[in-house]
Amino acid sequence: MVKQIPRKEYLIKLRSRLQDDVGFVINKLIERNEEEPHIGFFVMVRAIMPIIEAVATSEGRQPQLLLEDLGIGAPHVIWNLYRDIFLHNDEFVVAAVGKLGVPSGIIFTYPEDNKELSDTLAKDGLNFDPFRTQRELISYLTGKIDSSDEKSQVDIIGAVEYEEVSNNQEVVNIVSEIEQIHKAQQRGNNY
């Protein structure tokens, strides 16, 4: 089920999540990496990619195009390696075509780091920098918020609906669990 909300309100909420939720994680990772480097690479990819997808979807386009707008080189490779692999797997992988391969790599550039270096590394198509992406996405969203029409609406998912009768075992399991949860709630019990 899809519902509409004001675009400006939605973009402000996304930017707040980037600043508050993701920003909190970034700050803790910076602190932790000062003690023990190389902590938090996977979690940062998992924190930033859903927001990229939400922003792109709210604009009616592919996340890869948003990554390109954020100055990310090889946005299709980056999206596949980082969003699809790190959200569904827990390993660095290589994107391969025949004997050609591009290894995945994650780097962190802190706000005080050299912006030129950060931008250069973002464009190489080999590395993904969640910190840089967060900073660029906040800037991107601020521009979109400032230029948003107050009457403009965005479609967002309000509910995921499942058919009560399905041949798909996953759907059958979900329907059964939803029904069990409701029965337990009616009895005043937890699931």
N, C-alpha and C. Protein backbone atom coordinates (compact mmCIF):
# COMPACT_ATOMS: atom_id res chain seq x y z
N MET A 1 0.84 -1.16 0.00
CA MET A 1 0.00 0.00 0.00
C MET A 1 0.90 1.24 0.00
N VAL A 2 0.57 2.17 -0.84
CA VAL A 2 1.35 3.40 -0.95
C VAL A 2 0.53 4.56 -0.38
N LYS A 3 1.22 5.45 0.32
CA LYS A 3 0.56 6.65 0.82
C LYS A 3 1.38 7.86 0.39
N GLN A 4 0.74 9.01 0.37
CA GLN A 4 1.43 10.24 -0.02
C GLN A 4 1.67 11.12 1.19
N ILE A 5 2.85 11.72 1.23
CA ILE A 5 3.16 12.71 2.25
C ILE A 5 3.87 13.87 1.55
N PRO A 6 3.91 15.04 2.17
CA PRO A 6 4.61 16.17 1.55
C PRO A 6 6.08 15.84 1.32
N ARG A 7 6.56 16.09 0.09
CA ARG A 7 7.94 15.79 -0.27
C ARG A 7 8.93 16.48 0.66
N LYS A 8 8.69 17.75 0.94
CA LYS A 8 9.61 18.50 1.79
C LYS A 8 9.74 17.84 3.17
N GLU A 9 8.61 17.47 3.75
CA GLU A 9 8.60 16.81 5.06
C GLU A 9 9.39 15.51 5.01
N TYR A 10 9.19 14.73 3.95
CA TYR A 10 9.87 13.45 3.80
C TYR A 10 11.37 13.65 3.67
N LEU A 11 11.79 14.61 2.86
CA LEU A 11 13.22 14.87 2.67
C LEU A 11 13.87 15.37 3.96
N ILE A 12 13.14 16.18 4.71
CA ILE A 12 13.66 16.66 6.00
C ILE A 12 13.87 15.48 6.95
N LYS A 13 12.93 14.53 6.95
CA LYS A 13 13.07 13.34 7.80
C LYS A 13 14.28 12.50 7.38
N LEU A 14 14.47 12.33 6.07
CA LEU A 14 15.62 11.57 5.59
C LEU A 14 16.93 12.26 5.98
N ARG A 15 16.98 13.58 5.81
CA ARG A 15 18.19 14.32 6.19
C ARG A 15 18.45 14.21 7.68
N SER A 16 17.39 14.25 8.48
CA SER A 16 17.54 14.11 9.93
C SER A 16 18.11 12.75 10.29
N ARG A 17 17.64 11.70 9.61
CA ARG A 17 18.20 10.36 9.88
C ARG A 17 19.68 10.31 9.51
N LEU A 18 20.03 10.96 8.41
CA LEU A 18 21.44 11.00 8.02
C LEU A 18 22.28 11.73 9.06
N GLN A 19 21.75 12.83 9.56
CA GLN A 19 22.51 13.63 10.53
C GLN A 19 22.50 13.00 11.91
N ASP A 20 21.34 12.54 12.35
CA ASP A 20 21.21 12.05 13.72
C ASP A 20 21.58 10.57 13.86
N ASP A 21 20.85 9.71 13.17
CA ASP A 21 21.10 8.26 13.30
C ASP A 21 22.45 7.87 12.70
N VAL A 22 22.61 8.14 11.42
CA VAL A 22 23.86 7.77 10.75
C VAL A 22 25.02 8.60 11.31
N GLY A 23 24.76 9.87 11.58
CA GLY A 23 25.81 10.73 12.16
C GLY A 23 26.30 10.22 13.50
N PHE A 24 25.38 9.73 14.34
CA PHE A 24 25.75 9.15 15.63
C PHE A 24 26.68 7.95 15.43
N VAL A 25 26.29 7.07 14.50
CA VAL A 25 27.11 5.88 14.22
C VAL A 25 28.49 6.31 13.71
N ILE A 26 28.51 7.28 12.82
CA ILE A 26 29.79 7.78 12.28
C ILE A 26 30.67 8.30 13.41
N ASN A 27 30.11 9.11 14.29
CA ASN A 27 30.91 9.66 15.40
C ASN A 27 31.46 8.56 16.30
N LYS A 28 30.65 7.55 16.58
CA LYS A 28 31.12 6.44 17.41
C LYS A 28 32.20 5.63 16.69
N LEU A 29 32.05 5.46 15.39
CA LEU A 29 33.07 4.73 14.62
C LEU A 29 34.38 5.51 14.56
N ILE A 30 34.28 6.83 14.44
CA ILE A 30 35.50 7.64 14.44
C ILE A 30 36.21 7.48 15.78
N GLU A 31 35.45 7.58 16.88
CA GLU A 31 36.05 7.39 18.21
C GLU A 31 36.68 6.01 18.33
N ARG A 32 35.98 4.99 17.91
CA ARG A 32 36.46 3.61 18.02
C ARG A 32 37.68 3.37 17.14
N ASN A 33 37.68 3.94 15.94
CA ASN A 33 38.80 3.76 15.02
C ASN A 33 40.06 4.48 15.49
N GLU A 34 39.91 5.47 16.34
CA GLU A 34 41.09 6.11 16.91
C GLU A 34 41.80 5.14 17.86
N GLU A 35 41.02 4.26 18.50
CA GLU A 35 41.58 3.25 19.40
C GLU A 35 42.02 2.00 18.64
N GLU A 36 41.17 1.53 17.75
CA GLU A 36 41.42 0.30 17.00
C GLU A 36 40.92 0.48 15.57
N PRO A 37 41.81 0.78 14.63
CA PRO A 37 41.39 1.06 13.25
C PRO A 37 40.68 -0.12 12.59
N HIS A 38 39.93 0.22 11.59
CA HIS A 38 39.26 -0.75 10.71
C HIS A 38 38.03 -1.40 11.33
N ILE A 39 37.32 -0.65 12.14
CA ILE A 39 36.09 -1.16 12.74
C ILE A 39 34.91 -0.43 12.08
N GLY A 40 33.88 -1.18 11.71
CA GLY A 40 32.63 -0.57 11.29
C GLY A 40 32.40 -0.42 9.80
N PHE A 41 33.24 -1.01 8.98
CA PHE A 41 33.08 -0.84 7.55
C PHE A 41 31.73 -1.33 7.05
N PHE A 42 31.37 -2.56 7.41
CA PHE A 42 30.14 -3.14 6.90
C PHE A 42 28.92 -2.39 7.42
N VAL A 43 28.93 -2.03 8.70
CA VAL A 43 27.77 -1.37 9.29
C VAL A 43 27.49 -0.03 8.61
N MET A 44 28.53 0.67 8.19
CA MET A 44 28.30 1.97 7.55
C MET A 44 27.66 1.81 6.19
N VAL A 45 28.04 0.80 5.46
CA VAL A 45 27.39 0.54 4.17
C VAL A 45 25.92 0.23 4.41
N ARG A 46 25.67 -0.59 5.42
CA ARG A 46 24.29 -0.98 5.72
C ARG A 46 23.46 0.19 6.25
N ALA A 47 24.10 1.18 6.81
CA ALA A 47 23.38 2.34 7.34
C ALA A 47 23.05 3.35 6.25
N ILE A 48 23.90 3.49 5.26
CA ILE A 48 23.73 4.56 4.27
C ILE A 48 22.94 4.13 3.04
N MET A 49 23.09 2.89 2.60
CA MET A 49 22.46 2.47 1.34
C MET A 49 20.93 2.52 1.36
N PRO A 50 20.25 2.13 2.44
CA PRO A 50 18.79 2.25 2.42
C PRO A 50 18.32 3.70 2.27
N ILE A 51 19.07 4.64 2.82
CA ILE A 51 18.68 6.04 2.68
C ILE A 51 18.89 6.50 1.25
N ILE A 52 19.97 6.06 0.62
CA ILE A 52 20.17 6.37 -0.80
C ILE A 52 19.00 5.84 -1.61
N GLU A 53 18.60 4.61 -1.32
CA GLU A 53 17.47 4.03 -2.04
C GLU A 53 16.18 4.81 -1.79
N ALA A 54 15.95 5.23 -0.56
CA ALA A 54 14.75 6.00 -0.23
C ALA A 54 14.72 7.34 -0.96
N VAL A 55 15.85 8.03 -0.99
CA VAL A 55 15.91 9.33 -1.68
C VAL A 55 15.67 9.13 -3.17
N ALA A 56 16.36 8.17 -3.77
CA ALA A 56 16.20 7.92 -5.20
C ALA A 56 14.76 7.54 -5.53
N THR A 57 14.18 6.66 -4.73
CA THR A 57 12.80 6.23 -4.96
C THR A 57 11.85 7.40 -4.86
N SER A 58 12.09 8.31 -3.91
CA SER A 58 11.21 9.47 -3.76
C SER A 58 11.29 10.39 -4.98
N GLU A 59 12.37 10.26 -5.74
CA GLU A 59 12.53 11.05 -6.97
C GLU A 59 12.13 10.26 -8.21
N GLY A 60 11.71 9.02 -8.02
CA GLY A 60 11.27 8.19 -9.13
C GLY A 60 12.40 7.76 -10.06
N ARG A 61 13.56 7.50 -9.47
CA ARG A 61 14.68 7.07 -10.29
C ARG A 61 15.52 6.02 -9.59
N GLN A 62 16.48 5.48 -10.31
CA GLN A 62 17.33 4.43 -9.77
C GLN A 62 18.37 5.00 -8.81
N PRO A 63 18.68 4.25 -7.75
CA PRO A 63 19.72 4.69 -6.81
C PRO A 63 21.07 4.93 -7.48
N GLN A 64 21.37 4.17 -8.53
CA GLN A 64 22.65 4.33 -9.22
C GLN A 64 22.79 5.75 -9.78
N LEU A 65 21.68 6.33 -10.24
CA LEU A 65 21.73 7.69 -10.78
C LEU A 65 21.98 8.71 -9.67
N LEU A 66 21.44 8.46 -8.50
CA LEU A 66 21.71 9.33 -7.36
C LEU A 66 23.18 9.22 -6.96
N LEU A 67 23.71 8.00 -6.92
CA LEU A 67 25.13 7.81 -6.61
C LEU A 67 25.99 8.59 -7.60
N GLU A 68 25.61 8.56 -8.86
CA GLU A 68 26.35 9.31 -9.88
C GLU A 68 26.30 10.81 -9.59
N ASP A 69 25.12 11.31 -9.21
CA ASP A 69 24.97 12.73 -8.85
C ASP A 69 25.83 13.09 -7.64
N LEU A 70 26.08 12.12 -6.76
CA LEU A 70 26.90 12.36 -5.57
C LEU A 70 28.39 12.24 -5.87
N GLY A 71 28.74 12.04 -7.15
CA GLY A 71 30.14 11.99 -7.55
C GLY A 71 30.78 10.63 -7.39
N ILE A 72 29.97 9.58 -7.35
CA ILE A 72 30.48 8.23 -7.19
C ILE A 72 30.80 7.67 -8.57
N GLY A 73 32.03 7.23 -8.77
CA GLY A 73 32.41 6.58 -10.02
C GLY A 73 31.86 5.17 -10.07
N ALA A 74 31.54 4.68 -11.25
CA ALA A 74 31.00 3.34 -11.46
C ALA A 74 29.80 3.07 -10.54
N PRO A 75 28.76 3.90 -10.60
CA PRO A 75 27.65 3.77 -9.65
C PRO A 75 26.90 2.44 -9.72
N HIS A 76 26.87 1.81 -10.89
CA HIS A 76 26.18 0.51 -10.99
C HIS A 76 26.98 -0.58 -10.27
N VAL A 77 28.30 -0.54 -10.42
CA VAL A 77 29.16 -1.50 -9.73
C VAL A 77 29.07 -1.26 -8.22
N ILE A 78 29.17 0.00 -7.82
CA ILE A 78 29.10 0.34 -6.40
C ILE A 78 27.78 -0.12 -5.81
N TRP A 79 26.68 0.17 -6.49
CA TRP A 79 25.37 -0.23 -5.96
C TRP A 79 25.31 -1.74 -5.80
N ASN A 80 25.72 -2.46 -6.82
CA ASN A 80 25.65 -3.91 -6.76
C ASN A 80 26.56 -4.48 -5.68
N LEU A 81 27.81 -4.04 -5.65
CA LEU A 81 28.75 -4.59 -4.67
C LEU A 81 28.41 -4.21 -3.24
N TYR A 82 27.98 -2.98 -3.05
CA TYR A 82 27.81 -2.49 -1.68
C TYR A 82 26.40 -2.63 -1.16
N ARG A 83 25.44 -2.32 -1.96
CA ARG A 83 24.06 -2.45 -1.48
C ARG A 83 23.66 -3.92 -1.51
N ASP A 84 23.72 -4.54 -2.67
CA ASP A 84 23.23 -5.90 -2.79
C ASP A 84 24.09 -6.90 -2.03
N ILE A 85 25.40 -6.76 -2.11
CA ILE A 85 26.26 -7.73 -1.44
C ILE A 85 26.28 -7.52 0.07
N PHE A 86 26.54 -6.31 0.53
CA PHE A 86 26.69 -6.10 1.97
C PHE A 86 25.36 -6.14 2.73
N LEU A 87 24.25 -5.92 2.06
CA LEU A 87 22.98 -6.06 2.74
C LEU A 87 22.53 -7.51 2.80
N HIS A 88 23.01 -8.32 1.87
CA HIS A 88 22.57 -9.71 1.82
C HIS A 88 23.70 -10.70 2.10
N ASN A 89 24.88 -10.20 2.31
CA ASN A 89 26.03 -11.06 2.53
C ASN A 89 26.96 -10.35 3.51
N ASP A 90 28.02 -10.98 3.90
CA ASP A 90 28.90 -10.38 4.89
C ASP A 90 30.36 -10.54 4.51
N GLU A 91 30.64 -10.38 3.23
CA GLU A 91 32.00 -10.56 2.74
C GLU A 91 32.33 -9.52 1.68
N PHE A 92 33.60 -9.16 1.59
CA PHE A 92 34.07 -8.39 0.45
C PHE A 92 34.08 -9.33 -0.75
N VAL A 93 33.67 -8.83 -1.90
CA VAL A 93 33.64 -9.66 -3.10
C VAL A 93 34.30 -8.92 -4.26
N VAL A 94 34.45 -9.63 -5.35
CA VAL A 94 34.98 -9.05 -6.58
C VAL A 94 33.87 -9.06 -7.62
N ALA A 95 33.70 -7.93 -8.32
CA ALA A 95 32.78 -7.90 -9.47
C ALA A 95 33.61 -8.34 -10.66
N ALA A 96 33.22 -9.46 -11.28
CA ALA A 96 34.05 -10.04 -12.33
C ALA A 96 33.30 -10.15 -13.65
N VAL A 97 34.05 -9.91 -14.72
CA VAL A 97 33.59 -10.14 -16.08
C VAL A 97 34.73 -10.86 -16.77
N GLY A 98 34.56 -12.15 -17.02
CA GLY A 98 35.65 -12.93 -17.59
C GLY A 98 36.86 -12.87 -16.67
N LYS A 99 37.98 -12.41 -17.21
CA LYS A 99 39.22 -12.31 -16.43
C LYS A 99 39.39 -10.94 -15.79
N LEU A 100 38.45 -10.04 -16.02
CA LEU A 100 38.51 -8.71 -15.43
C LEU A 100 37.80 -8.72 -14.08
N GLY A 101 38.37 -8.06 -13.11
CA GLY A 101 37.74 -8.02 -11.80
C GLY A 101 37.96 -6.70 -11.10
N VAL A 102 36.96 -6.27 -10.37
CA VAL A 102 37.03 -5.07 -9.55
C VAL A 102 36.75 -5.48 -8.11
N PRO A 103 37.75 -5.40 -7.23
CA PRO A 103 37.51 -5.77 -5.83
C PRO A 103 36.75 -4.67 -5.10
N SER A 104 35.96 -5.06 -4.12
CA SER A 104 35.27 -4.06 -3.32
C SER A 104 36.22 -3.54 -2.25
N GLY A 105 36.05 -2.29 -1.91
CA GLY A 105 36.85 -1.67 -0.86
C GLY A 105 36.05 -0.57 -0.20
N ILE A 106 36.20 -0.44 1.10
CA ILE A 106 35.51 0.61 1.84
C ILE A 106 36.57 1.46 2.52
N ILE A 107 36.43 2.76 2.37
CA ILE A 107 37.34 3.70 3.02
C ILE A 107 36.52 4.67 3.85
N PHE A 108 37.15 5.25 4.84
CA PHE A 108 36.50 6.28 5.64
C PHE A 108 37.33 7.55 5.53
N THR A 109 36.70 8.64 5.13
CA THR A 109 37.36 9.94 5.21
C THR A 109 36.55 10.78 6.19
N TYR A 110 37.20 11.20 7.23
CA TYR A 110 36.54 11.99 8.25
C TYR A 110 36.33 13.40 7.72
N PRO A 111 35.41 14.15 8.35
CA PRO A 111 35.14 15.51 7.87
C PRO A 111 36.39 16.39 7.78
N GLU A 112 37.36 16.18 8.65
CA GLU A 112 38.55 17.02 8.63
C GLU A 112 39.57 16.57 7.58
N ASP A 113 39.31 15.43 6.93
CA ASP A 113 40.22 14.93 5.91
C ASP A 113 40.20 15.80 4.66
N ASN A 114 41.16 15.57 3.80
CA ASN A 114 41.31 16.29 2.55
C ASN A 114 40.15 15.96 1.61
N LYS A 115 39.33 16.97 1.29
CA LYS A 115 38.18 16.77 0.42
C LYS A 115 38.62 16.33 -0.97
N GLU A 116 39.72 16.85 -1.43
CA GLU A 116 40.21 16.48 -2.77
C GLU A 116 40.53 14.99 -2.84
N LEU A 117 41.19 14.46 -1.82
CA LEU A 117 41.49 13.04 -1.77
C LEU A 117 40.20 12.23 -1.70
N SER A 118 39.27 12.64 -0.87
CA SER A 118 37.99 11.96 -0.73
C SER A 118 37.26 11.91 -2.06
N ASP A 119 37.21 13.03 -2.77
CA ASP A 119 36.53 13.09 -4.06
C ASP A 119 37.23 12.22 -5.09
N THR A 120 38.55 12.22 -5.10
CA THR A 120 39.32 11.40 -6.04
C THR A 120 39.03 9.92 -5.82
N LEU A 121 39.05 9.49 -4.56
CA LEU A 121 38.80 8.09 -4.25
C LEU A 121 37.36 7.69 -4.58
N ALA A 122 36.42 8.61 -4.44
CA ALA A 122 35.02 8.32 -4.75
C ALA A 122 34.82 8.08 -6.24
N LYS A 123 35.62 8.71 -7.05
CA LYS A 123 35.45 8.63 -8.50
C LYS A 123 36.14 7.44 -9.13
N ASP A 124 36.96 6.71 -8.36
CA ASP A 124 37.74 5.63 -8.97
C ASP A 124 36.95 4.36 -9.25
N GLY A 125 35.76 4.23 -8.68
CA GLY A 125 34.95 3.04 -8.91
C GLY A 125 35.42 1.82 -8.15
N LEU A 126 36.46 1.97 -7.36
CA LEU A 126 37.01 0.85 -6.58
C LEU A 126 36.61 0.91 -5.12
N ASN A 127 36.36 2.10 -4.65
CA ASN A 127 36.13 2.29 -3.22
C ASN A 127 34.79 2.96 -2.96
N PHE A 128 34.23 2.64 -1.80
CA PHE A 128 33.03 3.32 -1.36
C PHE A 128 33.34 3.95 -0.01
N ASP A 129 33.02 5.22 0.13
CA ASP A 129 33.29 5.96 1.36
C ASP A 129 31.95 6.39 1.97
N PRO A 130 31.45 5.64 2.95
CA PRO A 130 30.17 5.98 3.55
C PRO A 130 30.15 7.36 4.21
N PHE A 131 31.28 7.78 4.80
CA PHE A 131 31.32 9.09 5.44
C PHE A 131 31.15 10.20 4.41
N ARG A 132 31.90 10.10 3.30
CA ARG A 132 31.79 11.10 2.23
C ARG A 132 30.37 11.08 1.65
N THR A 133 29.84 9.88 1.44
CA THR A 133 28.51 9.75 0.86
C THR A 133 27.47 10.39 1.77
N GLN A 134 27.62 10.21 3.07
CA GLN A 134 26.70 10.84 4.02
C GLN A 134 26.79 12.35 3.91
N ARG A 135 28.00 12.89 3.86
CA ARG A 135 28.18 14.35 3.76
C ARG A 135 27.58 14.88 2.45
N GLU A 136 27.85 14.20 1.35
CA GLU A 136 27.34 14.64 0.04
C GLU A 136 25.82 14.52 -0.02
N LEU A 137 25.28 13.47 0.57
CA LEU A 137 23.83 13.27 0.56
C LEU A 137 23.12 14.31 1.41
N ILE A 138 23.70 14.70 2.52
CA ILE A 138 23.11 15.79 3.33
C ILE A 138 23.07 17.07 2.52
N SER A 139 24.15 17.37 1.84
CA SER A 139 24.21 18.57 0.99
C SER A 139 23.18 18.49 -0.14
N TYR A 140 23.08 17.34 -0.77
CA TYR A 140 22.12 17.11 -1.85
C TYR A 140 20.69 17.33 -1.34
N LEU A 141 20.37 16.71 -0.19
CA LEU A 141 19.04 16.83 0.38
C LEU A 141 18.72 18.27 0.78
N THR A 142 19.70 18.97 1.32
CA THR A 142 19.48 20.37 1.71
C THR A 142 19.08 21.19 0.48
N GLY A 143 19.76 20.96 -0.64
CA GLY A 143 19.39 21.65 -1.87
C GLY A 143 17.99 21.30 -2.33
N LYS A 144 17.64 20.03 -2.25
CA LYS A 144 16.30 19.58 -2.66
C LYS A 144 15.22 20.14 -1.72
N ILE A 145 15.51 20.18 -0.44
CA ILE A 145 14.55 20.73 0.54
C ILE A 145 14.33 22.22 0.27
N ASP A 146 15.43 22.93 0.08
CA ASP A 146 15.33 24.38 -0.16
C ASP A 146 14.54 24.70 -1.43
N SER A 147 14.61 23.82 -2.42
CA SER A 147 13.92 24.09 -3.69
C SER A 147 12.58 23.38 -3.81
N SER A 148 12.15 22.67 -2.75
CA SER A 148 10.90 21.91 -2.81
C SER A 148 9.70 22.83 -2.80
N ASP A 149 8.75 22.46 -3.62
CA ASP A 149 7.45 23.11 -3.66
C ASP A 149 6.66 22.60 -2.46
N GLU A 150 6.04 23.48 -1.73
CA GLU A 150 5.28 23.09 -0.53
C GLU A 150 4.13 22.14 -0.85
N LYS A 151 3.64 22.16 -2.09
CA LYS A 151 2.50 21.32 -2.46
C LYS A 151 2.92 19.97 -3.03
N SER A 152 4.19 19.79 -3.29
CA SER A 152 4.68 18.56 -3.89
C SER A 152 4.55 17.39 -2.92
N GLN A 153 4.12 16.25 -3.43
CA GLN A 153 3.92 15.05 -2.63
C GLN A 153 4.87 13.95 -3.10
N VAL A 154 5.11 12.99 -2.23
CA VAL A 154 5.92 11.82 -2.57
C VAL A 154 5.16 10.57 -2.12
N ASP A 155 5.24 9.54 -2.93
CA ASP A 155 4.64 8.26 -2.59
C ASP A 155 5.64 7.46 -1.76
N ILE A 156 5.19 6.95 -0.63
CA ILE A 156 6.03 6.07 0.18
C ILE A 156 5.23 4.82 0.52
N ILE A 157 5.94 3.77 0.86
CA ILE A 157 5.28 2.52 1.22
C ILE A 157 4.67 2.68 2.60
N GLY A 158 3.36 2.48 2.67
CA GLY A 158 2.66 2.59 3.95
C GLY A 158 2.42 1.23 4.58
N ALA A 159 2.37 0.20 3.75
CA ALA A 159 2.17 -1.16 4.25
C ALA A 159 2.62 -2.13 3.17
N VAL A 160 3.07 -3.28 3.58
CA VAL A 160 3.38 -4.36 2.65
C VAL A 160 2.22 -5.34 2.78
N GLU A 161 1.49 -5.54 1.69
CA GLU A 161 0.31 -6.39 1.71
C GLU A 161 0.64 -7.77 1.16
N TYR A 162 0.15 -8.80 1.83
CA TYR A 162 0.35 -10.18 1.41
C TYR A 162 -1.00 -10.81 1.10
N GLU A 163 -1.03 -11.65 0.09
CA GLU A 163 -2.25 -12.38 -0.28
C GLU A 163 -2.48 -13.48 0.77
N GLU A 164 -3.72 -13.62 1.19
CA GLU A 164 -4.02 -14.64 2.20
C GLU A 164 -3.80 -16.05 1.67
N VAL A 165 -4.00 -16.23 0.37
CA VAL A 165 -3.79 -17.54 -0.25
C VAL A 165 -2.66 -17.38 -1.26
N SER A 166 -1.62 -18.18 -1.08
CA SER A 166 -0.46 -18.08 -1.97
C SER A 166 0.20 -19.44 -2.12
N ASN A 167 0.87 -19.64 -3.23
CA ASN A 167 1.67 -20.84 -3.46
C ASN A 167 3.12 -20.63 -3.01
N ASN A 168 3.47 -19.40 -2.70
CA ASN A 168 4.82 -19.07 -2.27
C ASN A 168 4.94 -19.37 -0.77
N GLN A 169 5.83 -20.29 -0.41
CA GLN A 169 5.96 -20.72 0.99
C GLN A 169 6.35 -19.56 1.91
N GLU A 170 7.18 -18.66 1.43
CA GLU A 170 7.58 -17.51 2.26
C GLU A 170 6.35 -16.67 2.61
N VAL A 171 5.49 -16.42 1.62
CA VAL A 171 4.27 -15.65 1.85
C VAL A 171 3.35 -16.41 2.80
N VAL A 172 3.22 -17.71 2.61
CA VAL A 172 2.39 -18.53 3.50
C VAL A 172 2.89 -18.40 4.94
N ASN A 173 4.21 -18.46 5.14
CA ASN A 173 4.78 -18.32 6.48
C ASN A 173 4.49 -16.94 7.08
N ILE A 174 4.63 -15.91 6.27
CA ILE A 174 4.37 -14.54 6.76
C ILE A 174 2.91 -14.39 7.17
N VAL A 175 2.01 -14.84 6.32
CA VAL A 175 0.57 -14.75 6.62
C VAL A 175 0.26 -15.48 7.92
N SER A 176 0.80 -16.67 8.07
CA SER A 176 0.58 -17.45 9.29
C SER A 176 1.08 -16.71 10.52
N GLU A 177 2.26 -16.14 10.43
CA GLU A 177 2.82 -15.41 11.58
C GLU A 177 2.01 -14.17 11.91
N ILE A 178 1.55 -13.44 10.88
CA ILE A 178 0.71 -12.25 11.12
C ILE A 178 -0.56 -12.67 11.85
N GLU A 179 -1.18 -13.74 11.39
CA GLU A 179 -2.40 -14.23 12.03
C GLU A 179 -2.13 -14.64 13.48
N GLN A 180 -1.00 -15.32 13.73
CA GLN A 180 -0.65 -15.74 15.09
C GLN A 180 -0.42 -14.53 16.01
N ILE A 181 0.24 -13.52 15.49
CA ILE A 181 0.49 -12.31 16.28
C ILE A 181 -0.83 -11.67 16.67
N HIS A 182 -1.76 -11.57 15.74
CA HIS A 182 -3.05 -10.96 16.05
C HIS A 182 -3.86 -11.79 17.04
N LYS A 183 -3.82 -13.09 16.91
CA LYS A 183 -4.52 -13.95 17.88
C LYS A 183 -3.93 -13.77 19.27
N ALA A 184 -2.61 -13.71 19.35
CA ALA A 184 -1.95 -13.52 20.65
C ALA A 184 -2.31 -12.16 21.25
N GLN A 185 -2.37 -11.14 20.41
CA GLN A 185 -2.73 -9.80 20.90
C GLN A 185 -4.15 -9.78 21.41
N GLN A 186 -5.04 -10.49 20.74
CA GLN A 186 -6.43 -10.53 21.18
C GLN A 186 -6.56 -11.23 22.54
N ARG A 187 -5.68 -12.21 22.77
CA ARG A 187 -5.67 -12.91 24.07
C ARG A 187 -4.90 -12.12 25.12
N GLY A 188 -4.22 -11.07 24.70
CA GLY A 188 -3.42 -10.27 25.62
C GLY A 188 -2.04 -10.85 25.87
N ASN A 189 -1.59 -11.73 25.01
CA ASN A 189 -0.28 -12.35 25.13
C ASN A 189 0.69 -11.77 24.11
N ASN A 190 1.95 -12.02 24.37
CA ASN A 190 2.95 -11.70 23.37
C ASN A 190 3.06 -12.88 22.41
N TYR A 191 3.58 -12.62 21.24
CA TYR A 191 3.78 -13.67 20.24
C TYR A 191 4.73 -14.65 20.74
